[in-house]
Amino acid sequence: MSNKIRKLPANSIYGNERKQILEFLKTENVDVVLCDFGCIGAEVADSIGDCGIPIFTYYRGYDATMRARSARQRNLIARAFKKMEGVFFVSEFLRDNLARYGLVHPNSHVLPSGVNTDKFLPAQKRKASFIAVGRLIEKKRPDLTVEAFCKEAKSNPEATLEILGGGPMQEQCQEIVRREGMENQVKLFGEQPHEIVLKHLQQAEFFLQHSVTSPGGDAEGAPTSIQEALACGCAILATRHAGIPDLVTEGQTGHLVDELDQDGYRSLIRAALAGDYNAAQMSKNARDFAVANLDNRDLIKRVETIMEKAVKH
């Protein structure tokens, strides 16, 4: 029988699946549950929130933005929050976005996912080197990044932009490069192993990301790529979008413009190419910020401490 006929939320957990989950939790002597992505956590808590085991969930982006546009999803979250022990968000923006709909949990915490700062380290930086990392999708608007760089870097043949990541907008970005005659300065590498991404980040001076809220309402949380870039000592040139302002201190670790402000974005790249920024100092500031605030081992310990308190109760 379908969920629709049973008048249950779409994709809800019930029947034999619910029974199997409960049996697993009992067999494995599970003390606490942490669900990655809020939409999954909402389903789990709504279904088994009365099983006596504390349940937490972690909101990371689309789950607290695009998904929250659905009235059905909001009703599910409202029910689930009453059964959850606590909620984590990677950015204050995501917590605030759910609060706009009246979805507030009393035991909520803002903790970014972080990065291993022993692994993500700066290396010798290549002068006038720019990098963009991530899926080539509309909420990241890689086309705006590519076009802005191409327009500003034509008169600076030493400047380079490396783009690591694949996605539906890859060909569109490649076409911009061809149209502008910038094949020698802009390289699209497609998806790459993490070790390759790390090497490129370590050597880049500036990290570019023109994130926006997509037409469907999808938004970033606290982009992992920006956290990794900070740890590698990259100065960030990005947008005032979602949790990015929490990661980037204006004038210290980077510069931000409003979403879709292409003229402003081009001016950031122009200033970087002209040497108007103290790239070495910004690199140091970025690294220091990451070590102090984004080390994932410290952040994981904080999550564990919060969950342990729930178990002790």
C-alpha atoms as a PDB file:
ATOM      1  CA  MET A   1       0.000   0.000   0.000  1.00  0.00           C
ATOM      2  CA  SER A   2       1.446   3.389  -0.973  1.00  0.00           C
ATOM      3  CA  ASN A   3       2.286   6.161   1.455  1.00  0.00           C
ATOM      4  CA  LYS A   4      -0.257   8.341  -0.301  1.00  0.00           C
ATOM      5  CA  ILE A   5      -3.066   5.888   0.438  1.00  0.00           C
ATOM      6  CA  ARG A   6      -1.886   5.546   4.046  1.00  0.00           C
ATOM      7  CA  LYS A   7      -1.748   9.363   4.272  1.00  0.00           C
ATOM      8  CA  LEU A   8       1.878   9.194   5.406  1.00  0.00           C
ATOM      9  CA  PRO A   9       4.597  11.617   4.282  1.00  0.00           C
ATOM     10  CA  ALA A  10       6.317  10.617   1.044  1.00  0.00           C
ATOM     11  CA  ASN A  11       9.410   8.463   1.696  1.00  0.00           C
ATOM     12  CA  SER A  12       8.440   7.930   5.336  1.00  0.00           C
ATOM     13  CA  ILE A  13       9.776   4.915   7.213  1.00  0.00           C
ATOM     14  CA  TYR A  14       7.153   2.441   8.390  1.00  0.00           C
ATOM     15  CA  GLY A  15       6.217  -1.226   8.499  1.00  0.00           C
ATOM     16  CA  ASN A  16       8.944  -3.805   8.034  1.00  0.00           C
ATOM     17  CA  GLU A  17      11.621  -1.186   7.309  1.00  0.00           C
ATOM     18  CA  ARG A  18      10.913   0.521  10.615  1.00  0.00           C
ATOM     19  CA  LYS A  19      10.995  -2.806  12.422  1.00  0.00           C
ATOM     20  CA  GLN A  20      14.379  -3.681  10.893  1.00  0.00           C
ATOM     21  CA  ILE A  21      15.870  -0.341  11.922  1.00  0.00           C
ATOM     22  CA  LEU A  22      14.692  -0.769  15.499  1.00  0.00           C
ATOM     23  CA  GLU A  23      16.049  -4.323  15.626  1.00  0.00           C
ATOM     24  CA  PHE A  24      19.418  -3.109  14.313  1.00  0.00           C
ATOM     25  CA  LEU A  25      19.638  -0.360  16.922  1.00  0.00           C
ATOM     26  CA  LYS A  26      18.851  -2.853  19.685  1.00  0.00           C
ATOM     27  CA  THR A  27      21.239  -5.543  18.425  1.00  0.00           C
ATOM     28  CA  GLU A  28      24.118  -3.090  18.046  1.00  0.00           C
ATOM     29  CA  ASN A  29      23.429  -1.453  21.428  1.00  0.00           C
ATOM     30  CA  VAL A  30      23.251   1.988  19.823  1.00  0.00           C
ATOM     31  CA  ASP A  31      23.251   4.809  22.385  1.00  0.00           C
ATOM     32  CA  VAL A  32      22.656   7.773  20.084  1.00  0.00           C
ATOM     33  CA  VAL A  33      21.830   8.356  16.401  1.00  0.00           C
ATOM     34  CA  LEU A  34      23.273  11.109  14.180  1.00  0.00           C
ATOM     35  CA  CYS A  35      21.654  11.434  10.763  1.00  0.00           C
ATOM     36  CA  ASP A  36      23.608  13.186   8.032  1.00  0.00           C
ATOM     37  CA  PHE A  37      21.373  15.608   6.122  1.00  0.00           C
ATOM     38  CA  GLY A  38      18.327  17.048   7.775  1.00  0.00           C
ATOM     39  CA  CYS A  39      15.779  15.533   5.427  1.00  0.00           C
ATOM     40  CA  ILE A  40      16.940  12.036   6.391  1.00  0.00           C
ATOM     41  CA  GLY A  41      17.021  12.936  10.061  1.00  0.00           C
ATOM     42  CA  ALA A  42      13.484  14.273   9.889  1.00  0.00           C
ATOM     43  CA  GLU A  43      12.199  10.997   8.451  1.00  0.00           C
ATOM     44  CA  VAL A  44      14.086   8.919  10.984  1.00  0.00           C
ATOM     45  CA  ALA A  45      13.013  10.982  13.986  1.00  0.00           C
ATOM     46  CA  ASP A  46       9.414  11.146  12.822  1.00  0.00           C
ATOM     47  CA  SER A  47       9.340   7.369  12.495  1.00  0.00           C
ATOM     48  CA  ILE A  48      11.341   6.110  15.482  1.00  0.00           C
ATOM     49  CA  GLY A  49      11.697   9.167  17.686  1.00  0.00           C
ATOM     50  CA  ASP A  50       9.831   7.376  20.467  1.00  0.00           C
ATOM     51  CA  CYS A  51      12.284   4.439  20.655  1.00  0.00           C
ATOM     52  CA  GLY A  52      14.168   5.836  23.646  1.00  0.00           C
ATOM     53  CA  ILE A  53      17.400   6.561  21.762  1.00  0.00           C
ATOM     54  CA  PRO A  54      18.438  10.237  21.344  1.00  0.00           C
ATOM     55  CA  ILE A  55      18.342  11.297  17.691  1.00  0.00           C
ATOM     56  CA  PHE A  56      20.315  14.177  16.172  1.00  0.00           C
ATOM     57  CA  THR A  57      20.562  15.393  12.599  1.00  0.00           C
ATOM     58  CA  TYR A  58      22.963  17.607  10.621  1.00  0.00           C
ATOM     59  CA  TYR A  59      21.723  20.225   8.128  1.00  0.00           C
ATOM     60  CA  ARG A  60      24.233  21.018   5.377  1.00  0.00           C
ATOM     61  CA  GLY A  61      22.586  23.008   2.577  1.00  0.00           C
ATOM     62  CA  TYR A  62      19.729  22.013   0.284  1.00  0.00           C
ATOM     63  CA  ASP A  63      18.047  20.175   3.167  1.00  0.00           C
ATOM     64  CA  ALA A  64      17.404  23.495   4.966  1.00  0.00           C
ATOM     65  CA  THR A  65      16.808  25.625   1.866  1.00  0.00           C
ATOM     66  CA  MET A  66      15.293  24.067  -1.256  1.00  0.00           C
ATOM     67  CA  ARG A  67      13.654  21.183   0.622  1.00  0.00           C
ATOM     68  CA  ALA A  68      12.171  23.573   3.174  1.00  0.00           C
ATOM     69  CA  ARG A  69      10.115  25.243   0.442  1.00  0.00           C
ATOM     70  CA  SER A  70       7.835  22.211   0.483  1.00  0.00           C
ATOM     71  CA  ALA A  71       4.925  22.477   2.920  1.00  0.00           C
ATOM     72  CA  ARG A  72       5.002  18.710   3.302  1.00  0.00           C
ATOM     73  CA  GLN A  73       8.659  18.801   4.274  1.00  0.00           C
ATOM     74  CA  ARG A  74       8.086  21.646   6.728  1.00  0.00           C
ATOM     75  CA  ASN A  75       5.278  19.707   8.404  1.00  0.00           C
ATOM     76  CA  LEU A  76       7.573  16.687   8.644  1.00  0.00           C
ATOM     77  CA  ILE A  77      10.363  18.783  10.194  1.00  0.00           C
ATOM     78  CA  ALA A  78       7.936  20.306  12.703  1.00  0.00           C
ATOM     79  CA  ARG A  79       6.854  16.846  13.861  1.00  0.00           C
ATOM     80  CA  ALA A  80      10.414  15.527  13.864  1.00  0.00           C
ATOM     81  CA  PHE A  81      11.852  18.434  15.872  1.00  0.00           C
ATOM     82  CA  LYS A  82       9.509  17.523  18.722  1.00  0.00           C
ATOM     83  CA  LYS A  83      11.106  14.063  18.825  1.00  0.00           C
ATOM     84  CA  MET A  84      14.745  15.009  18.187  1.00  0.00           C
ATOM     85  CA  GLU A  85      17.281  15.505  20.951  1.00  0.00           C
ATOM     86  CA  GLY A  86      19.257  18.078  18.985  1.00  0.00           C
ATOM     87  CA  VAL A  87      20.098  19.588  15.614  1.00  0.00           C
ATOM     88  CA  PHE A  88      23.398  20.656  14.014  1.00  0.00           C
ATOM     89  CA  PHE A  89      23.821  23.201  11.209  1.00  0.00           C
ATOM     90  CA  VAL A  90      26.974  23.937   9.221  1.00  0.00           C
ATOM     91  CA  SER A  91      26.083  27.645   9.133  1.00  0.00           C
ATOM     92  CA  GLU A  92      23.958  30.178  10.977  1.00  0.00           C
ATOM     93  CA  PHE A  93      22.272  30.939   7.653  1.00  0.00           C
ATOM     94  CA  LEU A  94      20.702  27.469   7.537  1.00  0.00           C
ATOM     95  CA  ARG A  95      19.410  27.696  11.102  1.00  0.00           C
ATOM     96  CA  ASP A  96      17.955  31.122  10.369  1.00  0.00           C
ATOM     97  CA  ASN A  97      16.355  29.877   7.171  1.00  0.00           C
ATOM     98  CA  LEU A  98      14.392  27.173   8.981  1.00  0.00           C
ATOM     99  CA  ALA A  99      13.496  29.666  11.708  1.00  0.00           C
ATOM    100  CA  ARG A 100      11.816  31.806   9.029  1.00  0.00           C
ATOM    101  CA  TYR A 101       9.236  29.032   8.799  1.00  0.00           C
ATOM    102  CA  GLY A 102       8.896  28.748  12.566  1.00  0.00           C
ATOM    103  CA  LEU A 103      11.084  25.620  12.638  1.00  0.00           C
ATOM    104  CA  VAL A 104      13.263  26.077  15.702  1.00  0.00           C
ATOM    105  CA  HIS A 105      14.864  23.448  17.920  1.00  0.00           C
ATOM    106  CA  PRO A 106      15.907  24.461  21.468  1.00  0.00           C
ATOM    107  CA  ASN A 107      19.057  22.333  21.315  1.00  0.00           C
ATOM    108  CA  SER A 108      20.594  23.548  18.062  1.00  0.00           C
ATOM    109  CA  HIS A 109      24.268  24.142  17.305  1.00  0.00           C
ATOM    110  CA  VAL A 110      26.176  25.770  14.429  1.00  0.00           C
ATOM    111  CA  LEU A 111      29.309  23.782  13.609  1.00  0.00           C
ATOM    112  CA  PRO A 112      30.869  23.709  10.112  1.00  0.00           C
ATOM    113  CA  SER A 113      32.064  20.367   8.792  1.00  0.00           C
ATOM    114  CA  GLY A 114      35.681  21.529   8.891  1.00  0.00           C
ATOM    115  CA  VAL A 115      38.842  20.168   7.320  1.00  0.00           C
ATOM    116  CA  ASN A 116      41.939  18.262   8.409  1.00  0.00           C
ATOM    117  CA  THR A 117      44.341  21.170   8.788  1.00  0.00           C
ATOM    118  CA  ASP A 118      47.319  18.797   9.051  1.00  0.00           C
ATOM    119  CA  LYS A 119      46.580  17.564   5.544  1.00  0.00           C
ATOM    120  CA  PHE A 120      45.372  20.777   3.924  1.00  0.00           C
ATOM    121  CA  LEU A 121      48.474  22.942   4.147  1.00  0.00           C
ATOM    122  CA  PRO A 122      49.782  25.850   2.049  1.00  0.00           C
ATOM    123  CA  ALA A 123      52.675  25.224  -0.353  1.00  0.00           C
ATOM    124  CA  GLN A 124      54.723  27.611  -2.468  1.00  0.00           C
ATOM    125  CA  LYS A 125      52.170  29.848  -4.154  1.00  0.00           C
ATOM    126  CA  ARG A 126      52.251  30.500  -7.914  1.00  0.00           C
ATOM    127  CA  LYS A 127      51.895  34.195  -8.671  1.00  0.00           C
ATOM    128  CA  ALA A 128      48.568  35.249 -10.251  1.00  0.00           C
ATOM    129  CA  SER A 129      47.142  31.728  -9.858  1.00  0.00           C
ATOM    130  CA  PHE A 130      43.394  31.329  -9.364  1.00  0.00           C
ATOM    131  CA  ILE A 131      41.394  28.182  -8.660  1.00  0.00           C
ATOM    132  CA  ALA A 132      37.749  27.107  -8.455  1.00  0.00           C
ATOM    133  CA  VAL A 133      36.720  23.765  -6.979  1.00  0.00           C
ATOM    134  CA  GLY A 134      33.287  22.148  -6.891  1.00  0.00           C
ATOM    135  CA  ARG A 135      30.381  20.843  -8.895  1.00  0.00           C
ATOM    136  CA  LEU A 136      29.628  22.943 -11.966  1.00  0.00           C
ATOM    137  CA  ILE A 137      25.992  23.598 -11.105  1.00  0.00           C
ATOM    138  CA  GLU A 138      23.730  26.637 -11.125  1.00  0.00           C
ATOM    139  CA  LYS A 139      23.959  27.481  -7.422  1.00  0.00           C
ATOM    140  CA  LYS A 140      27.737  27.899  -7.845  1.00  0.00           C
ATOM    141  CA  ARG A 141      27.423  29.815 -11.156  1.00  0.00           C
ATOM    142  CA  PRO A 142      30.800  28.715 -12.555  1.00  0.00           C
ATOM    143  CA  ASP A 143      29.915  30.480 -15.811  1.00  0.00           C
ATOM    144  CA  LEU A 144      30.077  33.835 -14.027  1.00  0.00           C
ATOM    145  CA  THR A 145      33.431  32.943 -12.498  1.00  0.00           C
ATOM    146  CA  VAL A 146      34.875  31.886 -15.846  1.00  0.00           C
ATOM    147  CA  GLU A 147      33.554  34.911 -17.728  1.00  0.00           C
ATOM    148  CA  ALA A 148      34.752  37.376 -15.083  1.00  0.00           C
ATOM    149  CA  PHE A 149      38.243  35.899 -15.076  1.00  0.00           C
ATOM    150  CA  CYS A 150      38.461  35.739 -18.855  1.00  0.00           C
ATOM    151  CA  LYS A 151      37.457  39.389 -19.217  1.00  0.00           C
ATOM    152  CA  GLU A 152      39.941  40.615 -16.614  1.00  0.00           C
ATOM    153  CA  ALA A 153      42.915  38.340 -17.270  1.00  0.00           C
ATOM    154  CA  LYS A 154      43.270  38.809 -21.034  1.00  0.00           C
ATOM    155  CA  SER A 155      45.808  41.563 -20.503  1.00  0.00           C
ATOM    156  CA  ASN A 156      47.749  39.463 -17.978  1.00  0.00           C
ATOM    157  CA  PRO A 157      49.031  36.368 -19.806  1.00  0.00           C
ATOM    158  CA  GLU A 158      50.726  35.035 -16.659  1.00  0.00           C
ATOM    159  CA  ALA A 159      47.405  34.732 -14.829  1.00  0.00           C
ATOM    160  CA  THR A 160      45.822  31.280 -14.758  1.00  0.00           C
ATOM    161  CA  LEU A 161      42.512  29.806 -13.627  1.00  0.00           C
ATOM    162  CA  GLU A 162      42.207  26.100 -12.860  1.00  0.00           C
ATOM    163  CA  ILE A 163      38.714  24.646 -12.472  1.00  0.00           C
ATOM    164  CA  LEU A 164      38.423  21.262 -10.791  1.00  0.00           C
ATOM    165  CA  GLY A 165      35.003  19.660 -10.816  1.00  0.00           C
ATOM    166  CA  GLY A 166      32.467  18.305 -13.254  1.00  0.00           C
ATOM    167  CA  GLY A 167      28.796  18.861 -13.760  1.00  0.00           C
ATOM    168  CA  PRO A 168      26.070  19.959 -16.156  1.00  0.00           C
ATOM    169  CA  MET A 169      27.607  23.408 -16.745  1.00  0.00           C
ATOM    170  CA  GLN A 170      31.049  22.165 -17.767  1.00  0.00           C
ATOM    171  CA  GLU A 171      30.504  22.520 -21.512  1.00  0.00           C
ATOM    172  CA  GLN A 172      28.957  25.959 -21.041  1.00  0.00           C
ATOM    173  CA  CYS A 173      32.067  27.070 -19.167  1.00  0.00           C
ATOM    174  CA  GLN A 174      34.336  25.560 -21.795  1.00  0.00           C
ATOM    175  CA  GLU A 175      32.458  27.437 -24.488  1.00  0.00           C
ATOM    176  CA  ILE A 176      33.080  30.737 -22.684  1.00  0.00           C
ATOM    177  CA  VAL A 177      36.805  29.938 -22.582  1.00  0.00           C
ATOM    178  CA  ARG A 178      36.827  29.200 -26.320  1.00  0.00           C
ATOM    179  CA  ARG A 179      34.800  32.290 -27.136  1.00  0.00           C
ATOM    180  CA  GLU A 180      37.204  34.513 -25.197  1.00  0.00           C
ATOM    181  CA  GLY A 181      40.276  32.796 -26.646  1.00  0.00           C
ATOM    182  CA  MET A 182      41.580  31.954 -23.165  1.00  0.00           C
ATOM    183  CA  GLU A 183      42.433  28.258 -23.614  1.00  0.00           C
ATOM    184  CA  ASN A 184      46.051  28.896 -22.585  1.00  0.00           C
ATOM    185  CA  GLN A 185      45.067  30.514 -19.300  1.00  0.00           C
ATOM    186  CA  VAL A 186      41.900  28.692 -18.210  1.00  0.00           C
ATOM    187  CA  LYS A 187      41.877  24.927 -17.761  1.00  0.00           C
ATOM    188  CA  LEU A 188      38.845  22.810 -16.895  1.00  0.00           C
ATOM    189  CA  PHE A 189      40.120  19.562 -15.417  1.00  0.00           C
ATOM    190  CA  GLY A 190      36.761  17.929 -14.683  1.00  0.00           C
ATOM    191  CA  GLU A 191      36.354  15.749 -11.609  1.00  0.00           C
ATOM    192  CA  GLN A 192      39.651  14.905  -9.924  1.00  0.00           C
ATOM    193  CA  PRO A 193      40.762  12.755  -6.978  1.00  0.00           C
ATOM    194  CA  HIS A 194      41.017  14.573  -3.671  1.00  0.00           C
ATOM    195  CA  GLU A 195      44.820  14.305  -3.713  1.00  0.00           C
ATOM    196  CA  ILE A 196      44.971  16.211  -7.001  1.00  0.00           C
ATOM    197  CA  VAL A 197      42.560  18.862  -5.745  1.00  0.00           C
ATOM    198  CA  LEU A 198      44.712  19.296  -2.644  1.00  0.00           C
ATOM    199  CA  LYS A 199      47.874  19.836  -4.698  1.00  0.00           C
ATOM    200  CA  HIS A 200      46.233  22.526  -6.812  1.00  0.00           C
ATOM    201  CA  LEU A 201      44.744  24.288  -3.778  1.00  0.00           C
ATOM    202  CA  GLN A 202      48.094  24.370  -2.028  1.00  0.00           C
ATOM    203  CA  GLN A 203      49.711  26.255  -4.911  1.00  0.00           C
ATOM    204  CA  ALA A 204      46.907  28.699  -5.746  1.00  0.00           C
ATOM    205  CA  GLU A 205      46.904  32.303  -4.538  1.00  0.00           C
ATOM    206  CA  PHE A 206      43.197  33.039  -4.975  1.00  0.00           C
ATOM    207  CA  PHE A 207      40.074  30.892  -4.697  1.00  0.00           C
ATOM    208  CA  LEU A 208      37.016  31.907  -6.756  1.00  0.00           C
ATOM    209  CA  GLN A 209      33.384  30.965  -6.114  1.00  0.00           C
ATOM    210  CA  HIS A 210      30.332  32.944  -7.238  1.00  0.00           C
ATOM    211  CA  SER A 211      27.631  31.104  -5.273  1.00  0.00           C
ATOM    212  CA  VAL A 212      23.985  32.173  -5.603  1.00  0.00           C
ATOM    213  CA  THR A 213      20.602  30.877  -4.565  1.00  0.00           C
ATOM    214  CA  SER A 214      19.338  28.796  -7.479  1.00  0.00           C
ATOM    215  CA  PRO A 215      15.913  29.450  -9.051  1.00  0.00           C
ATOM    216  CA  GLY A 216      14.688  26.327  -7.235  1.00  0.00           C
ATOM    217  CA  GLY A 217      15.819  27.698  -3.894  1.00  0.00           C
ATOM    218  CA  ASP A 218      18.942  25.583  -3.449  1.00  0.00           C
ATOM    219  CA  ALA A 219      21.705  27.306  -1.483  1.00  0.00           C
ATOM    220  CA  GLU A 220      25.052  26.528   0.078  1.00  0.00           C
ATOM    221  CA  GLY A 221      25.601  25.772   3.732  1.00  0.00           C
ATOM    222  CA  ALA A 222      29.262  26.429   4.507  1.00  0.00           C
ATOM    223  CA  PRO A 223      31.091  25.281   1.353  1.00  0.00           C
ATOM    224  CA  THR A 224      33.691  22.625   2.124  1.00  0.00           C
ATOM    225  CA  SER A 225      35.785  23.796  -0.814  1.00  0.00           C
ATOM    226  CA  ILE A 226      36.138  27.247   0.763  1.00  0.00           C
ATOM    227  CA  GLN A 227      37.101  25.707   4.093  1.00  0.00           C
ATOM    228  CA  GLU A 228      39.760  23.617   2.345  1.00  0.00           C
ATOM    229  CA  ALA A 229      40.998  26.657   0.424  1.00  0.00           C
ATOM    230  CA  LEU A 230      41.354  28.662   3.629  1.00  0.00           C
ATOM    231  CA  ALA A 231      43.372  25.867   5.223  1.00  0.00           C
ATOM    232  CA  CYS A 232      45.632  25.904   2.146  1.00  0.00           C
ATOM    233  CA  GLY A 233      46.181  29.640   2.507  1.00  0.00           C
ATOM    234  CA  CYS A 234      44.105  30.808  -0.453  1.00  0.00           C
ATOM    235  CA  ALA A 235      42.597  34.304  -0.408  1.00  0.00           C
ATOM    236  CA  ILE A 236      38.862  33.935  -1.099  1.00  0.00           C
ATOM    237  CA  LEU A 237      37.001  36.003  -3.710  1.00  0.00           C
ATOM    238  CA  ALA A 238      33.354  35.013  -3.448  1.00  0.00           C
ATOM    239  CA  THR A 239      29.785  36.179  -2.803  1.00  0.00           C
ATOM    240  CA  ARG A 240      27.772  37.155   0.248  1.00  0.00           C
ATOM    241  CA  HIS A 241      25.790  33.964   0.065  1.00  0.00           C
ATOM    242  CA  ALA A 242      24.502  31.636   2.780  1.00  0.00           C
ATOM    243  CA  GLY A 243      27.304  30.721   5.209  1.00  0.00           C
ATOM    244  CA  ILE A 244      30.182  32.135   3.142  1.00  0.00           C
ATOM    245  CA  PRO A 245      30.349  35.421   5.134  1.00  0.00           C
ATOM    246  CA  ASP A 246      30.856  33.313   8.282  1.00  0.00           C
ATOM    247  CA  LEU A 247      33.978  31.846   6.697  1.00  0.00           C
ATOM    248  CA  VAL A 248      35.462  34.917   5.004  1.00  0.00           C
ATOM    249  CA  THR A 249      36.504  38.035   6.920  1.00  0.00           C
ATOM    250  CA  GLU A 250      36.314  41.003   4.574  1.00  0.00           C
ATOM    251  CA  GLY A 251      39.737  42.413   3.817  1.00  0.00           C
ATOM    252  CA  GLN A 252      41.471  39.850   6.010  1.00  0.00           C
ATOM    253  CA  THR A 253      40.966  36.446   4.399  1.00  0.00           C
ATOM    254  CA  GLY A 254      39.234  37.586   1.230  1.00  0.00           C
ATOM    255  CA  HIS A 255      36.652  39.849  -0.350  1.00  0.00           C
ATOM    256  CA  LEU A 256      32.947  39.365  -1.087  1.00  0.00           C
ATOM    257  CA  VAL A 257      30.373  40.875  -3.426  1.00  0.00           C
ATOM    258  CA  ASP A 258      26.611  40.463  -3.636  1.00  0.00           C
ATOM    259  CA  GLU A 259      25.165  37.566  -5.583  1.00  0.00           C
ATOM    260  CA  LEU A 260      25.068  38.180  -9.360  1.00  0.00           C
ATOM    261  CA  ASP A 261      27.111  41.406  -9.031  1.00  0.00           C
ATOM    262  CA  GLN A 262      29.272  40.611 -12.034  1.00  0.00           C
ATOM    263  CA  ASP A 263      30.816  44.070 -12.215  1.00  0.00           C
ATOM    264  CA  GLY A 264      31.788  43.879  -8.568  1.00  0.00           C
ATOM    265  CA  TYR A 265      33.134  40.371  -9.008  1.00  0.00           C
ATOM    266  CA  ARG A 266      35.251  41.443 -11.949  1.00  0.00           C
ATOM    267  CA  SER A 267      36.618  44.304  -9.853  1.00  0.00           C
ATOM    268  CA  LEU A 268      37.805  41.814  -7.196  1.00  0.00           C
ATOM    269  CA  ILE A 269      39.678  39.814  -9.817  1.00  0.00           C
ATOM    270  CA  ARG A 270      41.041  43.002 -11.385  1.00  0.00           C
ATOM    271  CA  ALA A 271      42.378  44.169  -8.038  1.00  0.00           C
ATOM    272  CA  ALA A 272      43.975  40.775  -7.377  1.00  0.00           C
ATOM    273  CA  LEU A 273      45.698  40.849 -10.763  1.00  0.00           C
ATOM    274  CA  ALA A 274      46.906  44.415 -10.156  1.00  0.00           C
ATOM    275  CA  GLY A 275      48.507  43.411  -6.871  1.00  0.00           C
ATOM    276  CA  ASP A 276      46.187  45.614  -4.827  1.00  0.00           C
ATOM    277  CA  TYR A 277      45.826  42.896  -2.190  1.00  0.00           C
ATOM    278  CA  ASN A 278      48.572  41.754   0.136  1.00  0.00           C
ATOM    279  CA  ALA A 279      48.227  38.147  -0.982  1.00  0.00           C
ATOM    280  CA  ALA A 280      50.922  36.862   1.380  1.00  0.00           C
ATOM    281  CA  GLN A 281      49.247  38.378   4.439  1.00  0.00           C
ATOM    282  CA  MET A 282      45.809  37.197   3.351  1.00  0.00           C
ATOM    283  CA  SER A 283      47.233  33.714   2.887  1.00  0.00           C
ATOM    284  CA  LYS A 284      48.572  33.725   6.436  1.00  0.00           C
ATOM    285  CA  ASN A 285      45.284  35.078   7.790  1.00  0.00           C
ATOM    286  CA  ALA A 286      43.324  32.395   5.943  1.00  0.00           C
ATOM    287  CA  ARG A 287      45.519  29.633   7.293  1.00  0.00           C
ATOM    288  CA  ASP A 288      45.368  30.989  10.843  1.00  0.00           C
ATOM    289  CA  PHE A 289      41.574  31.233  10.689  1.00  0.00           C
ATOM    290  CA  ALA A 290      41.249  27.659   9.456  1.00  0.00           C
ATOM    291  CA  VAL A 291      43.507  26.273  12.185  1.00  0.00           C
ATOM    292  CA  ALA A 292      41.631  28.183  14.887  1.00  0.00           C
ATOM    293  CA  ASN A 293      38.074  27.568  13.672  1.00  0.00           C
ATOM    294  CA  LEU A 294      37.864  24.831  11.052  1.00  0.00           C
ATOM    295  CA  ASP A 295      39.923  21.868  12.256  1.00  0.00           C
ATOM    296  CA  ASN A 296      37.516  18.980  11.797  1.00  0.00           C
ATOM    297  CA  ARG A 297      38.964  16.981  14.675  1.00  0.00           C
ATOM    298  CA  ASP A 298      38.062  19.738  17.128  1.00  0.00           C
ATOM    299  CA  LEU A 299      34.624  20.143  15.544  1.00  0.00           C
ATOM    300  CA  ILE A 300      33.925  16.401  15.697  1.00  0.00           C
ATOM    301  CA  LYS A 301      34.849  16.375  19.383  1.00  0.00           C
ATOM    302  CA  ARG A 302      32.360  19.168  19.998  1.00  0.00           C
ATOM    303  CA  VAL A 303      29.638  17.200  18.232  1.00  0.00           C
ATOM    304  CA  GLU A 304      30.494  14.088  20.233  1.00  0.00           C
ATOM    305  CA  THR A 305      30.454  16.012  23.524  1.00  0.00           C
ATOM    306  CA  ILE A 306      26.967  17.357  22.802  1.00  0.00           C
ATOM    307  CA  MET A 307      25.660  13.895  21.935  1.00  0.00           C
ATOM    308  CA  GLU A 308      27.304  12.306  24.973  1.00  0.00           C
ATOM    309  CA  LYS A 309      25.390  14.701  27.232  1.00  0.00           C
ATOM    310  CA  ALA A 310      22.158  13.446  25.707  1.00  0.00           C
ATOM    311  CA  VAL A 311      23.118   9.839  26.408  1.00  0.00           C
ATOM    312  CA  LYS A 312      23.974  10.620  30.049  1.00  0.00           C
ATOM    313  CA  HIS A 313      20.527  12.094  30.564  1.00  0.00           C
END
